[in-house]
Amino acid sequence: MWVAALAHETMYSYVANTGKFHDNNALRNDYYIDRWFTYEEIGPAEARRLIDDGVGTLDEDDYSDALAGWCADPKPLDPADVLSIAAGYNR
């Protein structure tokens, strides 16, 4: 399960291991093309609850390559910024 935000056709997912949102092209491709996952629109309050519950925590052994990429991400997004932007869309 991911907490994700779509902005201008870029999908950002929250990665608890880094505490940030990161560009997730694989998730974007699934959203627009593959549809292996299901998607449910939620508001900022629910997103914050899920983040606080640890959603987006990845096993560091199983996902070491992905986590290395996200840890090296030069432009991660702070959850507060993403959630405030999302709140603006829900008005």
N, C-alpha and C. Protein backbone atom coordinates (compact mmCIF):
# COMPACT_ATOMS: atom_id res chain seq x y z
N MET A 1 0.85 -1.18 0.00
CA MET A 1 0.00 0.00 0.00
C MET A 1 0.89 1.24 0.00
N TRP A 2 0.47 2.22 -0.77
CA TRP A 2 1.19 3.48 -0.85
C TRP A 2 0.26 4.64 -0.51
N VAL A 3 0.83 5.70 -0.01
CA VAL A 3 0.17 7.00 0.00
C VAL A 3 0.83 7.73 -1.15
N ALA A 4 0.02 8.13 -2.12
CA ALA A 4 0.56 8.73 -3.33
C ALA A 4 -0.18 10.00 -3.67
N ALA A 5 0.48 10.85 -4.44
CA ALA A 5 -0.12 12.08 -4.92
C ALA A 5 0.23 12.24 -6.39
N LEU A 6 -0.76 12.58 -7.17
CA LEU A 6 -0.56 12.80 -8.60
C LEU A 6 -0.57 14.30 -8.86
N ALA A 7 0.48 14.80 -9.47
CA ALA A 7 0.57 16.23 -9.78
C ALA A 7 1.17 16.40 -11.17
N HIS A 8 0.41 16.97 -12.06
CA HIS A 8 0.88 17.23 -13.42
C HIS A 8 1.46 15.97 -14.07
N GLU A 9 0.73 14.87 -13.94
CA GLU A 9 1.08 13.57 -14.51
C GLU A 9 2.33 12.95 -13.91
N THR A 10 2.79 13.46 -12.79
CA THR A 10 3.88 12.84 -12.04
C THR A 10 3.29 12.24 -10.78
N MET A 11 3.61 10.98 -10.53
CA MET A 11 3.11 10.30 -9.33
C MET A 11 4.21 10.32 -8.28
N TYR A 12 3.87 10.83 -7.11
CA TYR A 12 4.78 10.84 -5.98
C TYR A 12 4.24 9.86 -4.95
N SER A 13 5.13 9.05 -4.40
CA SER A 13 4.71 8.13 -3.34
C SER A 13 5.51 8.42 -2.08
N TYR A 14 4.83 8.21 -0.96
CA TYR A 14 5.48 8.42 0.34
C TYR A 14 6.28 7.18 0.68
N VAL A 15 7.54 7.39 1.01
CA VAL A 15 8.43 6.30 1.42
C VAL A 15 8.79 6.55 2.88
N ALA A 16 8.24 5.76 3.76
CA ALA A 16 8.44 5.98 5.20
C ALA A 16 9.91 5.89 5.60
N ASN A 17 10.67 5.07 4.90
CA ASN A 17 12.09 4.92 5.23
C ASN A 17 12.85 6.23 5.10
N THR A 18 12.40 7.11 4.19
CA THR A 18 13.07 8.40 4.01
C THR A 18 12.27 9.53 4.64
N GLY A 19 11.00 9.28 4.92
CA GLY A 19 10.13 10.32 5.48
C GLY A 19 9.71 11.36 4.46
N LYS A 20 9.83 11.04 3.18
CA LYS A 20 9.55 11.99 2.11
C LYS A 20 8.71 11.34 1.00
N PHE A 21 8.15 12.20 0.16
CA PHE A 21 7.51 11.74 -1.08
C PHE A 21 8.57 11.79 -2.18
N HIS A 22 8.53 10.79 -3.08
CA HIS A 22 9.48 10.69 -4.17
C HIS A 22 8.75 10.39 -5.48
N ASP A 23 9.31 10.88 -6.57
CA ASP A 23 8.80 10.55 -7.89
C ASP A 23 8.84 9.02 -8.04
N ASN A 24 7.69 8.44 -8.40
CA ASN A 24 7.61 6.99 -8.53
C ASN A 24 7.04 6.68 -9.91
N ASN A 25 7.94 6.59 -10.88
CA ASN A 25 7.52 6.38 -12.26
C ASN A 25 6.83 5.03 -12.46
N ALA A 26 7.25 4.01 -11.75
CA ALA A 26 6.61 2.69 -11.88
C ALA A 26 5.15 2.77 -11.43
N LEU A 27 4.90 3.47 -10.35
CA LEU A 27 3.53 3.62 -9.87
C LEU A 27 2.72 4.48 -10.85
N ARG A 28 3.34 5.49 -11.41
CA ARG A 28 2.67 6.33 -12.41
C ARG A 28 2.27 5.48 -13.62
N ASN A 29 3.20 4.64 -14.09
CA ASN A 29 2.89 3.78 -15.23
C ASN A 29 1.75 2.83 -14.91
N ASP A 30 1.72 2.33 -13.69
CA ASP A 30 0.63 1.45 -13.31
C ASP A 30 -0.69 2.22 -13.31
N TYR A 31 -0.69 3.41 -12.79
CA TYR A 31 -1.91 4.22 -12.70
C TYR A 31 -2.48 4.52 -14.09
N TYR A 32 -1.62 4.88 -15.02
CA TYR A 32 -2.08 5.27 -16.35
C TYR A 32 -2.22 4.11 -17.34
N ILE A 33 -1.44 3.04 -17.14
CA ILE A 33 -1.40 2.00 -18.17
C ILE A 33 -1.78 0.61 -17.64
N ASP A 34 -1.00 0.10 -16.71
CA ASP A 34 -1.11 -1.30 -16.32
C ASP A 34 -2.32 -1.63 -15.46
N ARG A 35 -2.56 -0.82 -14.47
CA ARG A 35 -3.67 -1.01 -13.52
C ARG A 35 -3.63 -2.36 -12.79
N TRP A 36 -2.41 -2.74 -12.37
CA TRP A 36 -2.29 -3.92 -11.51
C TRP A 36 -2.77 -3.61 -10.10
N PHE A 37 -2.64 -2.36 -9.69
CA PHE A 37 -3.06 -1.93 -8.36
C PHE A 37 -4.44 -1.27 -8.45
N THR A 38 -5.08 -1.15 -7.31
CA THR A 38 -6.32 -0.39 -7.24
C THR A 38 -6.01 0.94 -6.56
N TYR A 39 -6.78 1.93 -6.89
CA TYR A 39 -6.54 3.29 -6.39
C TYR A 39 -7.81 3.82 -5.75
N GLU A 40 -7.62 4.50 -4.64
CA GLU A 40 -8.74 5.10 -3.91
C GLU A 40 -8.36 6.52 -3.53
N GLU A 41 -9.19 7.45 -3.92
CA GLU A 41 -8.91 8.85 -3.59
C GLU A 41 -9.18 9.07 -2.10
N ILE A 42 -8.22 9.70 -1.44
CA ILE A 42 -8.36 10.02 -0.02
C ILE A 42 -7.97 11.48 0.16
N GLY A 43 -8.36 12.04 1.27
CA GLY A 43 -8.01 13.42 1.59
C GLY A 43 -6.73 13.50 2.40
N PRO A 44 -6.28 14.71 2.63
CA PRO A 44 -5.04 14.91 3.39
C PRO A 44 -5.08 14.34 4.81
N ALA A 45 -6.23 14.40 5.47
CA ALA A 45 -6.30 13.87 6.85
C ALA A 45 -6.09 12.35 6.86
N GLU A 46 -6.71 11.67 5.91
CA GLU A 46 -6.53 10.21 5.82
C GLU A 46 -5.10 9.88 5.41
N ALA A 47 -4.54 10.66 4.50
CA ALA A 47 -3.15 10.43 4.10
C ALA A 47 -2.22 10.58 5.30
N ARG A 48 -2.43 11.62 6.11
CA ARG A 48 -1.60 11.83 7.30
C ARG A 48 -1.75 10.66 8.27
N ARG A 49 -2.97 10.17 8.46
CA ARG A 49 -3.19 9.03 9.35
C ARG A 49 -2.43 7.80 8.86
N LEU A 50 -2.50 7.54 7.55
CA LEU A 50 -1.80 6.38 6.99
C LEU A 50 -0.29 6.54 7.12
N ILE A 51 0.20 7.74 6.88
CA ILE A 51 1.63 8.00 7.05
C ILE A 51 2.04 7.77 8.50
N ASP A 52 1.24 8.28 9.42
CA ASP A 52 1.53 8.08 10.85
C ASP A 52 1.48 6.62 11.25
N ASP A 53 0.67 5.83 10.54
CA ASP A 53 0.57 4.39 10.82
C ASP A 53 1.69 3.58 10.19
N GLY A 54 2.57 4.23 9.40
CA GLY A 54 3.71 3.54 8.83
C GLY A 54 3.54 3.02 7.42
N VAL A 55 2.44 3.41 6.76
CA VAL A 55 2.26 2.99 5.37
C VAL A 55 3.42 3.54 4.55
N GLY A 56 3.94 2.71 3.67
CA GLY A 56 5.07 3.12 2.84
C GLY A 56 6.42 2.70 3.40
N THR A 57 6.41 1.89 4.45
CA THR A 57 7.66 1.37 5.00
C THR A 57 8.06 0.15 4.18
N LEU A 58 9.26 0.19 3.63
CA LEU A 58 9.76 -0.90 2.79
C LEU A 58 10.84 -1.68 3.52
N ASP A 59 10.85 -2.99 3.30
CA ASP A 59 11.89 -3.85 3.86
C ASP A 59 13.22 -3.47 3.20
N GLU A 60 14.19 -3.11 4.01
CA GLU A 60 15.46 -2.60 3.49
C GLU A 60 16.27 -3.66 2.76
N ASP A 61 16.05 -4.94 3.04
CA ASP A 61 16.75 -5.99 2.31
C ASP A 61 16.08 -6.26 0.96
N ASP A 62 14.76 -6.37 0.97
CA ASP A 62 14.03 -6.69 -0.25
C ASP A 62 14.00 -5.55 -1.26
N TYR A 63 14.07 -4.32 -0.78
CA TYR A 63 13.95 -3.14 -1.65
C TYR A 63 15.19 -2.25 -1.58
N SER A 64 16.35 -2.86 -1.41
CA SER A 64 17.57 -2.06 -1.23
C SER A 64 17.88 -1.17 -2.43
N ASP A 65 17.68 -1.66 -3.64
CA ASP A 65 17.98 -0.84 -4.82
C ASP A 65 17.04 0.36 -4.92
N ALA A 66 15.75 0.11 -4.75
CA ALA A 66 14.78 1.21 -4.82
C ALA A 66 15.05 2.22 -3.71
N LEU A 67 15.33 1.73 -2.51
CA LEU A 67 15.59 2.64 -1.39
C LEU A 67 16.87 3.45 -1.61
N ALA A 68 17.88 2.83 -2.20
CA ALA A 68 19.12 3.56 -2.48
C ALA A 68 18.82 4.72 -3.44
N GLY A 69 17.99 4.45 -4.44
CA GLY A 69 17.62 5.52 -5.37
C GLY A 69 16.85 6.62 -4.68
N TRP A 70 15.90 6.26 -3.84
CA TRP A 70 15.12 7.29 -3.15
C TRP A 70 15.95 8.04 -2.12
N CYS A 71 16.87 7.37 -1.48
CA CYS A 71 17.75 8.06 -0.52
C CYS A 71 18.65 9.06 -1.23
N ALA A 72 18.99 8.79 -2.49
CA ALA A 72 19.84 9.69 -3.27
C ALA A 72 19.02 10.73 -4.04
N ASP A 73 17.71 10.70 -3.91
CA ASP A 73 16.82 11.62 -4.63
C ASP A 73 17.19 13.07 -4.31
N PRO A 74 17.55 13.87 -5.31
CA PRO A 74 17.92 15.25 -5.04
C PRO A 74 16.71 16.17 -4.81
N LYS A 75 15.51 15.68 -5.10
CA LYS A 75 14.32 16.54 -4.98
C LYS A 75 13.16 15.83 -4.28
N PRO A 76 13.39 15.29 -3.09
CA PRO A 76 12.26 14.69 -2.38
C PRO A 76 11.30 15.78 -1.92
N LEU A 77 10.07 15.41 -1.70
CA LEU A 77 9.07 16.38 -1.26
C LEU A 77 8.66 16.10 0.18
N ASP A 78 8.59 17.13 0.97
CA ASP A 78 8.18 17.01 2.36
C ASP A 78 6.69 16.67 2.43
N PRO A 79 6.29 15.74 3.29
CA PRO A 79 4.88 15.38 3.40
C PRO A 79 3.97 16.58 3.68
N ALA A 80 4.40 17.50 4.52
CA ALA A 80 3.55 18.66 4.82
C ALA A 80 3.27 19.47 3.57
N ASP A 81 4.26 19.60 2.69
CA ASP A 81 4.06 20.34 1.45
C ASP A 81 3.09 19.61 0.52
N VAL A 82 3.28 18.32 0.38
CA VAL A 82 2.41 17.52 -0.51
C VAL A 82 0.98 17.54 0.01
N LEU A 83 0.81 17.37 1.31
CA LEU A 83 -0.54 17.32 1.88
C LEU A 83 -1.22 18.69 1.83
N SER A 84 -0.46 19.75 1.94
CA SER A 84 -1.08 21.08 1.83
C SER A 84 -1.50 21.36 0.39
N ILE A 85 -0.71 20.90 -0.57
CA ILE A 85 -1.10 21.03 -1.98
C ILE A 85 -2.36 20.21 -2.24
N ALA A 86 -2.39 18.99 -1.71
CA ALA A 86 -3.56 18.13 -1.88
C ALA A 86 -4.80 18.75 -1.25
N ALA A 87 -4.63 19.40 -0.11
CA ALA A 87 -5.76 20.05 0.54
C ALA A 87 -6.35 21.15 -0.34
N GLY A 88 -5.48 21.83 -1.07
CA GLY A 88 -5.93 22.88 -1.98
C GLY A 88 -6.77 22.34 -3.12
N TYR A 89 -6.49 21.11 -3.55
CA TYR A 89 -7.26 20.47 -4.61
C TYR A 89 -8.62 20.00 -4.13
N ASN A 90 -8.76 19.81 -2.82
CA ASN A 90 -10.00 19.26 -2.26
C ASN A 90 -10.97 20.35 -1.82
N ARG A 91 -10.72 21.59 -2.12
CA ARG A 91 -11.61 22.67 -1.70
C ARG A 91 -12.80 22.77 -2.60
